[in-house]
Amino acid sequence: MEKPIRVLVANRPRLMRETILSTFADQPDIEIVGEVEDESEIFESVKKTLPNFVVVALDHPGERPRICDILLNEHPEVRVIAVAQANNYVVYYWASLDIHSSNIEPSEEGVLGVLRSKLATSKAN
């Protein structure tokens, strides 16, 4: 059996939060690991509950919630679902990292040079 999807619900107002909780309640593969009423409690709750997803309020559709940047910088493994109460609008945010590559000399010296450098400055692919 797969691990359940761990969700922290940090949406406001209460009616919206209750609607989201009700939606997830019947899903056997989803575990609600916490409910947060105040945005200031999100970070502590994320540390404590280790969710896969955090559901937050989207106050201004089309504008990423400030909490996303802070949360995803601290916890890039977490995914954020932002729900706008009035506009029937939901956005999914996640952190990703760019992967860069650079050719190095195929020798012991080339490999050791990269290991010892603070920043590999060879030509990028």
Protein backbone atom coordinates (compact mmCIF):
# COMPACT_ATOMS: atom_id res chain seq x y z
CA MET A 1 0.00 0.00 0.00
CA GLU A 2 1.32 3.44 -0.94
CA LYS A 3 1.82 6.12 1.67
CA PRO A 4 -1.06 8.57 1.85
CA ILE A 5 -0.67 12.07 0.45
CA ARG A 6 -0.09 14.30 3.47
CA VAL A 7 -1.98 17.61 3.34
CA LEU A 8 -1.83 20.63 5.64
CA VAL A 9 -4.87 22.88 5.21
CA ALA A 10 -3.99 26.49 5.97
CA ASN A 11 -6.80 28.27 4.21
CA ARG A 12 -8.98 31.03 5.48
CA PRO A 13 -11.77 31.94 5.97
CA ARG A 14 -13.10 29.07 8.06
CA LEU A 15 -15.91 28.21 5.63
CA MET A 16 -13.41 27.74 2.82
CA ARG A 17 -11.16 25.64 5.05
CA GLU A 18 -14.12 23.46 6.07
CA THR A 19 -15.10 22.99 2.42
CA ILE A 20 -11.58 21.86 1.56
CA LEU A 21 -11.46 19.51 4.56
CA SER A 22 -14.82 18.06 3.56
CA THR A 23 -13.59 17.50 0.00
CA PHE A 24 -10.54 15.57 1.18
CA ALA A 25 -12.35 13.61 3.93
CA ASP A 26 -13.69 10.95 1.55
CA GLN A 27 -10.36 10.37 -0.19
CA PRO A 28 -8.66 7.22 1.16
CA ASP A 29 -5.26 8.18 -0.25
CA ILE A 30 -5.21 11.63 1.41
CA GLU A 31 -4.33 12.24 5.05
CA ILE A 32 -5.04 15.63 6.61
CA VAL A 33 -2.01 16.16 8.86
CA GLY A 34 -3.07 19.53 10.21
CA GLU A 35 -5.31 22.54 10.01
CA VAL A 36 -3.99 26.07 10.45
CA GLU A 37 -6.19 29.12 10.95
CA ASP A 38 -3.50 31.79 10.92
CA GLU A 39 -0.84 32.18 8.23
CA SER A 40 1.80 32.82 10.90
CA GLU A 41 1.36 29.22 12.11
CA ILE A 42 2.11 27.61 8.73
CA PHE A 43 5.89 27.30 9.05
CA GLU A 44 5.82 25.67 12.47
CA SER A 45 3.07 23.33 11.34
CA VAL A 46 4.99 22.35 8.19
CA LYS A 47 8.06 21.51 10.30
CA LYS A 48 5.94 19.46 12.67
CA THR A 49 3.68 17.62 10.21
CA LEU A 50 5.92 17.24 7.12
CA PRO A 51 3.11 17.54 4.56
CA ASN A 52 3.41 16.82 0.85
CA PHE A 53 0.98 19.66 0.10
CA VAL A 54 -0.10 22.86 1.83
CA VAL A 55 -3.41 24.42 0.83
CA VAL A 56 -3.42 28.21 1.30
CA ALA A 57 -5.69 31.14 0.50
CA LEU A 58 -5.19 33.02 -2.74
CA ASP A 59 -6.27 36.55 -1.94
CA HIS A 60 -5.39 38.07 -5.31
CA PRO A 61 -5.88 35.74 -8.30
CA GLY A 62 -3.07 36.12 -10.80
CA GLU A 63 -0.64 37.12 -8.05
CA ARG A 64 1.43 34.47 -6.28
CA PRO A 65 0.84 34.50 -2.52
CA ARG A 66 3.85 35.82 -0.62
CA ILE A 67 3.72 32.77 1.61
CA CYS A 68 4.59 30.58 -1.41
CA ASP A 69 8.02 32.13 -1.91
CA ILE A 70 8.92 31.88 1.74
CA LEU A 71 7.54 28.38 2.17
CA LEU A 72 9.07 26.95 -1.00
CA ASN A 73 12.46 28.48 -0.23
CA GLU A 74 12.46 26.84 3.21
CA HIS A 75 10.76 23.60 2.14
CA PRO A 76 11.26 22.98 -1.61
CA GLU A 77 9.88 19.46 -1.23
CA VAL A 78 6.43 20.82 -0.35
CA ARG A 79 3.83 21.63 -3.00
CA VAL A 80 1.40 24.51 -2.52
CA ILE A 81 -2.19 24.71 -3.72
CA ALA A 82 -3.61 28.23 -3.52
CA VAL A 83 -7.38 28.58 -3.59
CA ALA A 84 -9.22 31.85 -4.32
CA GLN A 85 -12.49 31.96 -2.46
CA ALA A 86 -14.48 34.27 -4.69
CA ASN A 87 -13.13 33.64 -8.16
CA ASN A 88 -13.35 29.87 -8.62
CA TYR A 89 -9.58 29.95 -9.19
CA VAL A 90 -6.91 27.51 -7.96
CA VAL A 91 -3.15 27.54 -8.62
CA TYR A 92 -0.53 24.85 -7.98
CA TYR A 93 3.00 25.97 -7.03
CA TRP A 94 6.18 23.96 -6.65
CA ALA A 95 9.88 24.62 -6.41
CA SER A 96 12.27 23.31 -8.99
CA LEU A 97 15.90 23.71 -9.53
CA ASP A 98 17.76 24.22 -12.75
CA ILE A 99 20.36 21.64 -13.55
CA HIS A 100 23.45 22.98 -15.23
CA SER A 101 26.27 21.08 -16.88
CA SER A 102 29.75 21.84 -18.01
CA ASN A 103 32.27 19.76 -19.94
CA ILE A 104 35.40 19.02 -18.00
CA GLU A 105 38.66 17.43 -19.01
CA PRO A 106 38.23 13.63 -18.84
CA SER A 107 41.17 13.07 -16.50
CA GLU A 108 42.01 12.88 -12.83
CA GLU A 109 43.24 16.46 -13.01
CA GLY A 110 39.99 17.64 -14.60
CA VAL A 111 37.81 15.96 -11.99
CA LEU A 112 39.98 17.13 -9.09
CA GLY A 113 39.98 20.66 -10.49
CA VAL A 114 36.18 20.76 -10.41
CA LEU A 115 36.04 19.28 -6.92
CA ARG A 116 38.46 21.88 -5.63
CA SER A 117 37.03 24.90 -7.39
CA LYS A 118 34.38 27.05 -5.73
CA LEU A 119 32.64 27.43 -9.04
CA ALA A 120 33.30 25.32 -12.12
CA THR A 121 33.87 27.83 -14.89
CA SER A 122 34.29 25.54 -17.88
CA LYS A 123 32.11 26.17 -20.93
CA ALA A 124 28.48 25.17 -20.35
CA ASN A 125 26.76 22.65 -22.62
